[in-house]
């Protein structure tokens, strides 16, 4: 068995991926967008370096955003970790440079995280979180939809579109970075 260690370049890349997540997260929070934009770096790190790198980028993001700008991010940290893990596993099978499979890739990455995030949003926050999607949940509840159903529906929809954005950005970057990054970051 060959042991691989993270190189300094890999650690730097993971830090940059987390920074990308932090910028996206704060932009979505500031603009009250119904998507989160906090997993693009997680997905990118997972695609290029594997599940561990994706988990590290996502975990760092959750901690930094949680302690600086959005306390709720700490509660959703397990979602970042599962997205990093699942994205890394998905990208072992499929490379994100085929535009035809983006919707399916986003769905596969989105589903496990959506189950966790909707559970957290409903049980811990009763459907009211810091994201713009909470407004849509409250509109559905006001229209007579059961709160649990509203949280689940909106969480699945917003998570899917958020991951579709992330996977699309990663697909565009992957073509440029795959030959430069993948082979040089592991020692």
C-alpha atoms as a PDB file:
ATOM      1  CA  UNK A   1       0.000   0.000   0.000  1.00  0.00           C
ATOM      2  CA  UNK A   2       1.379   3.377  -1.008  1.00  0.00           C
ATOM      3  CA  UNK A   3       0.947   6.171   1.508  1.00  0.00           C
ATOM      4  CA  UNK A   4       0.189   9.556   0.061  1.00  0.00           C
ATOM      5  CA  UNK A   5       0.692  12.761   1.983  1.00  0.00           C
ATOM      6  CA  UNK A   6      -0.727  16.181   1.376  1.00  0.00           C
ATOM      7  CA  UNK A   7       1.887  18.462  -0.107  1.00  0.00           C
ATOM      8  CA  UNK A   8       2.194  22.125   0.750  1.00  0.00           C
ATOM      9  CA  UNK A   9       0.516  22.884  -2.583  1.00  0.00           C
ATOM     10  CA  UNK A  10      -2.432  20.643  -1.667  1.00  0.00           C
ATOM     11  CA  UNK A  11      -2.835  22.339   1.707  1.00  0.00           C
ATOM     12  CA  UNK A  12      -2.713  25.721  -0.037  1.00  0.00           C
ATOM     13  CA  UNK A  13      -5.274  24.556  -2.605  1.00  0.00           C
ATOM     14  CA  UNK A  14      -7.624  23.336   0.151  1.00  0.00           C
ATOM     15  CA  UNK A  15      -7.275  26.709   1.889  1.00  0.00           C
ATOM     16  CA  UNK A  16      -8.104  28.499  -1.369  1.00  0.00           C
ATOM     17  CA  UNK A  17     -11.113  26.215  -1.851  1.00  0.00           C
ATOM     18  CA  UNK A  18     -12.320  27.120   1.653  1.00  0.00           C
ATOM     19  CA  UNK A  19     -11.778  30.823   0.864  1.00  0.00           C
ATOM     20  CA  UNK A  20     -13.901  30.421  -2.275  1.00  0.00           C
ATOM     21  CA  UNK A  21     -16.635  28.873  -0.125  1.00  0.00           C
ATOM     22  CA  UNK A  22     -16.421  31.688   2.427  1.00  0.00           C
ATOM     23  CA  UNK A  23     -16.744  34.386  -0.221  1.00  0.00           C
ATOM     24  CA  UNK A  24     -19.687  32.556  -1.837  1.00  0.00           C
ATOM     25  CA  UNK A  25     -21.370  31.995   1.520  1.00  0.00           C
ATOM     26  CA  UNK A  26     -21.105  35.626   2.539  1.00  0.00           C
ATOM     27  CA  UNK A  27     -22.309  36.824  -0.861  1.00  0.00           C
ATOM     28  CA  UNK A  28     -25.385  34.576  -0.674  1.00  0.00           C
ATOM     29  CA  UNK A  29     -26.036  35.660   2.917  1.00  0.00           C
ATOM     30  CA  UNK A  30     -25.653  39.350   2.111  1.00  0.00           C
ATOM     31  CA  UNK A  31     -27.944  39.169  -0.921  1.00  0.00           C
ATOM     32  CA  UNK A  32     -30.402  36.768   0.813  1.00  0.00           C
ATOM     33  CA  UNK A  33     -30.174  34.388  -2.130  1.00  0.00           C
ATOM     34  CA  UNK A  34     -32.220  31.173  -2.027  1.00  0.00           C
ATOM     35  CA  UNK A  35     -28.986  29.252  -2.722  1.00  0.00           C
ATOM     36  CA  UNK A  36     -25.928  29.066  -0.492  1.00  0.00           C
ATOM     37  CA  UNK A  37     -22.837  29.207  -2.751  1.00  0.00           C
ATOM     38  CA  UNK A  38     -20.763  27.756   0.090  1.00  0.00           C
ATOM     39  CA  UNK A  39     -19.790  24.433  -1.477  1.00  0.00           C
ATOM     40  CA  UNK A  40     -18.143  25.352  -4.775  1.00  0.00           C
ATOM     41  CA  UNK A  41     -14.683  25.085  -3.223  1.00  0.00           C
ATOM     42  CA  UNK A  42     -15.643  21.896  -1.397  1.00  0.00           C
ATOM     43  CA  UNK A  43     -16.741  20.291  -4.665  1.00  0.00           C
ATOM     44  CA  UNK A  44     -13.637  21.583  -6.483  1.00  0.00           C
ATOM     45  CA  UNK A  45     -11.259  20.215  -3.839  1.00  0.00           C
ATOM     46  CA  UNK A  46     -13.112  16.883  -3.857  1.00  0.00           C
ATOM     47  CA  UNK A  47     -13.035  16.673  -7.663  1.00  0.00           C
ATOM     48  CA  UNK A  48      -9.326  17.379  -7.944  1.00  0.00           C
ATOM     49  CA  UNK A  49      -7.935  15.866  -4.745  1.00  0.00           C
ATOM     50  CA  UNK A  50     -10.515  13.412  -3.460  1.00  0.00           C
ATOM     51  CA  UNK A  51     -12.986  13.025  -0.577  1.00  0.00           C
ATOM     52  CA  UNK A  52     -10.569  13.921   2.232  1.00  0.00           C
ATOM     53  CA  UNK A  53      -9.671  17.238   0.600  1.00  0.00           C
ATOM     54  CA  UNK A  54     -13.353  17.969   0.014  1.00  0.00           C
ATOM     55  CA  UNK A  55     -14.134  17.250   3.672  1.00  0.00           C
ATOM     56  CA  UNK A  56     -11.255  19.445   4.813  1.00  0.00           C
ATOM     57  CA  UNK A  57     -12.310  22.376   2.611  1.00  0.00           C
ATOM     58  CA  UNK A  58     -15.925  22.029   3.750  1.00  0.00           C
ATOM     59  CA  UNK A  59     -15.027  21.635   7.416  1.00  0.00           C
ATOM     60  CA  UNK A  60     -12.755  24.666   7.390  1.00  0.00           C
ATOM     61  CA  UNK A  61     -15.512  26.656   5.701  1.00  0.00           C
ATOM     62  CA  UNK A  62     -18.124  25.675   8.266  1.00  0.00           C
ATOM     63  CA  UNK A  63     -15.855  26.609  11.160  1.00  0.00           C
ATOM     64  CA  UNK A  64     -14.661  29.943   9.789  1.00  0.00           C
ATOM     65  CA  UNK A  65     -18.072  31.114   8.580  1.00  0.00           C
ATOM     66  CA  UNK A  66     -19.692  29.833  11.768  1.00  0.00           C
ATOM     67  CA  UNK A  67     -17.320  31.754  14.027  1.00  0.00           C
ATOM     68  CA  UNK A  68     -17.218  34.950  11.930  1.00  0.00           C
ATOM     69  CA  UNK A  69     -20.364  35.781   9.952  1.00  0.00           C
ATOM     70  CA  UNK A  70     -23.071  33.133  10.287  1.00  0.00           C
ATOM     71  CA  UNK A  71     -23.330  31.116  13.484  1.00  0.00           C
ATOM     72  CA  UNK A  72     -25.807  28.728  11.831  1.00  0.00           C
ATOM     73  CA  UNK A  73     -23.015  27.420   9.613  1.00  0.00           C
ATOM     74  CA  UNK A  74     -21.651  25.536  12.592  1.00  0.00           C
ATOM     75  CA  UNK A  75     -24.868  23.553  12.829  1.00  0.00           C
ATOM     76  CA  UNK A  76     -24.746  22.765   9.098  1.00  0.00           C
ATOM     77  CA  UNK A  77     -21.075  21.667   9.212  1.00  0.00           C
ATOM     78  CA  UNK A  78     -22.075  17.977   8.784  1.00  0.00           C
ATOM     79  CA  UNK A  79     -23.608  18.951   5.435  1.00  0.00           C
ATOM     80  CA  UNK A  80     -20.273  20.373   4.256  1.00  0.00           C
ATOM     81  CA  UNK A  81     -18.518  17.182   5.315  1.00  0.00           C
ATOM     82  CA  UNK A  82     -20.976  14.873   3.555  1.00  0.00           C
ATOM     83  CA  UNK A  83     -20.823  16.988   0.379  1.00  0.00           C
ATOM     84  CA  UNK A  84     -17.018  16.765   0.378  1.00  0.00           C
ATOM     85  CA  UNK A  85     -17.149  13.011   0.917  1.00  0.00           C
ATOM     86  CA  UNK A  86     -19.858  12.287  -1.653  1.00  0.00           C
ATOM     87  CA  UNK A  87     -18.398  14.657  -4.271  1.00  0.00           C
ATOM     88  CA  UNK A  88     -14.998  12.999  -3.913  1.00  0.00           C
ATOM     89  CA  UNK A  89     -16.550   9.562  -4.356  1.00  0.00           C
ATOM     90  CA  UNK A  90     -18.706  10.660  -7.301  1.00  0.00           C
ATOM     91  CA  UNK A  91     -15.740  12.242  -9.071  1.00  0.00           C
ATOM     92  CA  UNK A  92     -13.729   9.039  -8.730  1.00  0.00           C
ATOM     93  CA  UNK A  93     -16.279   7.508 -11.103  1.00  0.00           C
ATOM     94  CA  UNK A  94     -17.251  10.499 -13.266  1.00  0.00           C
ATOM     95  CA  UNK A  95     -15.050  13.360 -14.340  1.00  0.00           C
ATOM     96  CA  UNK A  96     -16.783  16.754 -14.197  1.00  0.00           C
ATOM     97  CA  UNK A  97     -15.709  17.707 -17.686  1.00  0.00           C
ATOM     98  CA  UNK A  98     -18.761  16.224 -19.425  1.00  0.00           C
ATOM     99  CA  UNK A  99     -21.543  18.784 -19.509  1.00  0.00           C
ATOM    100  CA  UNK A 100     -24.217  16.162 -20.203  1.00  0.00           C
ATOM    101  CA  UNK A 101     -23.931  14.604 -16.766  1.00  0.00           C
ATOM    102  CA  UNK A 102     -23.914  17.789 -14.669  1.00  0.00           C
ATOM    103  CA  UNK A 103     -27.559  17.492 -13.602  1.00  0.00           C
ATOM    104  CA  UNK A 104     -27.097  13.883 -12.473  1.00  0.00           C
ATOM    105  CA  UNK A 105     -23.802  14.652 -10.726  1.00  0.00           C
ATOM    106  CA  UNK A 106     -25.447  17.564  -8.882  1.00  0.00           C
ATOM    107  CA  UNK A 107     -28.323  15.293  -7.864  1.00  0.00           C
ATOM    108  CA  UNK A 108     -26.026  12.571  -6.516  1.00  0.00           C
ATOM    109  CA  UNK A 109     -23.989  15.081  -4.530  1.00  0.00           C
ATOM    110  CA  UNK A 110     -27.072  16.947  -3.343  1.00  0.00           C
ATOM    111  CA  UNK A 111     -29.280  14.143  -1.990  1.00  0.00           C
ATOM    112  CA  UNK A 112     -27.353  13.041   1.127  1.00  0.00           C
ATOM    113  CA  UNK A 113     -26.679  16.633   2.148  1.00  0.00           C
ATOM    114  CA  UNK A 114     -30.318  17.582   1.591  1.00  0.00           C
ATOM    115  CA  UNK A 115     -31.503  14.885   3.957  1.00  0.00           C
ATOM    116  CA  UNK A 116     -29.147  16.132   6.646  1.00  0.00           C
ATOM    117  CA  UNK A 117     -29.761  19.844   6.026  1.00  0.00           C
ATOM    118  CA  UNK A 118     -33.553  19.545   5.998  1.00  0.00           C
ATOM    119  CA  UNK A 119     -33.404  17.570   9.245  1.00  0.00           C
ATOM    120  CA  UNK A 120     -31.209  20.240  10.858  1.00  0.00           C
ATOM    121  CA  UNK A 121     -33.328  23.112   9.490  1.00  0.00           C
ATOM    122  CA  UNK A 122     -36.575  21.589  10.706  1.00  0.00           C
ATOM    123  CA  UNK A 123     -35.635  20.183  14.102  1.00  0.00           C
ATOM    124  CA  UNK A 124     -33.152  22.810  15.269  1.00  0.00           C
ATOM    125  CA  UNK A 125     -34.489  25.943  13.591  1.00  0.00           C
ATOM    126  CA  UNK A 126     -38.153  25.129  12.805  1.00  0.00           C
ATOM    127  CA  UNK A 127     -37.500  26.024   9.169  1.00  0.00           C
ATOM    128  CA  UNK A 128     -36.133  29.510   9.822  1.00  0.00           C
ATOM    129  CA  UNK A 129     -32.428  29.812   9.037  1.00  0.00           C
ATOM    130  CA  UNK A 130     -30.154  32.622   7.893  1.00  0.00           C
ATOM    131  CA  UNK A 131     -30.536  31.760   4.201  1.00  0.00           C
ATOM    132  CA  UNK A 132     -32.917  33.317   1.720  1.00  0.00           C
ATOM    133  CA  UNK A 133     -34.650  29.953   1.325  1.00  0.00           C
ATOM    134  CA  UNK A 134     -36.312  30.485   4.711  1.00  0.00           C
ATOM    135  CA  UNK A 135     -38.508  33.140   3.113  1.00  0.00           C
ATOM    136  CA  UNK A 136     -39.830  30.578   0.638  1.00  0.00           C
ATOM    137  CA  UNK A 137     -40.449  28.085   3.465  1.00  0.00           C
ATOM    138  CA  UNK A 138     -42.459  30.685   5.362  1.00  0.00           C
ATOM    139  CA  UNK A 139     -44.483  31.528   2.241  1.00  0.00           C
ATOM    140  CA  UNK A 140     -45.390  27.855   1.807  1.00  0.00           C
ATOM    141  CA  UNK A 141     -46.310  27.509   5.482  1.00  0.00           C
ATOM    142  CA  UNK A 142     -48.445  30.654   5.176  1.00  0.00           C
ATOM    143  CA  UNK A 143     -50.179  29.068   2.178  1.00  0.00           C
ATOM    144  CA  UNK A 144     -51.130  26.071   4.314  1.00  0.00           C
ATOM    145  CA  UNK A 145     -48.335  23.593   3.558  1.00  0.00           C
ATOM    146  CA  UNK A 146     -47.190  21.517   6.533  1.00  0.00           C
ATOM    147  CA  UNK A 147     -43.967  23.025   7.934  1.00  0.00           C
ATOM    148  CA  UNK A 148     -41.984  19.774   7.752  1.00  0.00           C
ATOM    149  CA  UNK A 149     -43.031  19.266   4.127  1.00  0.00           C
ATOM    150  CA  UNK A 150     -42.230  22.883   3.272  1.00  0.00           C
ATOM    151  CA  UNK A 151     -38.745  22.624   4.789  1.00  0.00           C
ATOM    152  CA  UNK A 152     -38.056  19.319   3.034  1.00  0.00           C
ATOM    153  CA  UNK A 153     -39.304  20.506  -0.371  1.00  0.00           C
ATOM    154  CA  UNK A 154     -37.492  23.827  -0.311  1.00  0.00           C
ATOM    155  CA  UNK A 155     -34.297  22.327   1.100  1.00  0.00           C
ATOM    156  CA  UNK A 156     -34.176  19.712  -1.659  1.00  0.00           C
ATOM    157  CA  UNK A 157     -34.870  22.289  -4.380  1.00  0.00           C
ATOM    158  CA  UNK A 158     -32.413  24.912  -3.129  1.00  0.00           C
ATOM    159  CA  UNK A 159     -29.726  22.348  -2.344  1.00  0.00           C
ATOM    160  CA  UNK A 160     -30.058  20.852  -5.818  1.00  0.00           C
ATOM    161  CA  UNK A 161     -29.747  24.227  -7.568  1.00  0.00           C
ATOM    162  CA  UNK A 162     -26.874  25.200  -5.301  1.00  0.00           C
ATOM    163  CA  UNK A 163     -25.009  21.963  -6.142  1.00  0.00           C
ATOM    164  CA  UNK A 164     -25.852  22.382  -9.846  1.00  0.00           C
ATOM    165  CA  UNK A 165     -24.203  25.815  -9.746  1.00  0.00           C
ATOM    166  CA  UNK A 166     -21.240  24.328  -7.869  1.00  0.00           C
ATOM    167  CA  UNK A 167     -20.820  21.376 -10.217  1.00  0.00           C
ATOM    168  CA  UNK A 168     -21.102  23.671 -13.267  1.00  0.00           C
ATOM    169  CA  UNK A 169     -18.405  26.013 -11.964  1.00  0.00           C
ATOM    170  CA  UNK A 170     -16.219  23.043 -11.054  1.00  0.00           C
ATOM    171  CA  UNK A 171     -16.714  21.534 -14.532  1.00  0.00           C
ATOM    172  CA  UNK A 172     -15.486  24.760 -16.115  1.00  0.00           C
ATOM    173  CA  UNK A 173     -12.492  25.014 -13.759  1.00  0.00           C
ATOM    174  CA  UNK A 174     -11.729  21.302 -13.900  1.00  0.00           C
ATOM    175  CA  UNK A 175     -10.822  21.416 -17.571  1.00  0.00           C
ATOM    176  CA  UNK A 176      -8.267  24.108 -16.912  1.00  0.00           C
ATOM    177  CA  UNK A 177      -6.870  22.747 -13.651  1.00  0.00           C
ATOM    178  CA  UNK A 178      -6.944  18.942 -13.921  1.00  0.00           C
ATOM    179  CA  UNK A 179      -3.604  18.485 -15.633  1.00  0.00           C
ATOM    180  CA  UNK A 180      -1.890  21.188 -13.581  1.00  0.00           C
ATOM    181  CA  UNK A 181      -3.218  20.323 -10.156  1.00  0.00           C
ATOM    182  CA  UNK A 182      -4.057  16.661  -9.783  1.00  0.00           C
ATOM    183  CA  UNK A 183      -0.558  15.245 -10.296  1.00  0.00           C
ATOM    184  CA  UNK A 184       1.413  17.912  -8.482  1.00  0.00           C
ATOM    185  CA  UNK A 185      -0.511  18.139  -5.200  1.00  0.00           C
ATOM    186  CA  UNK A 186       0.016  14.645  -3.815  1.00  0.00           C
ATOM    187  CA  UNK A 187       3.452  13.458  -2.806  1.00  0.00           C
END
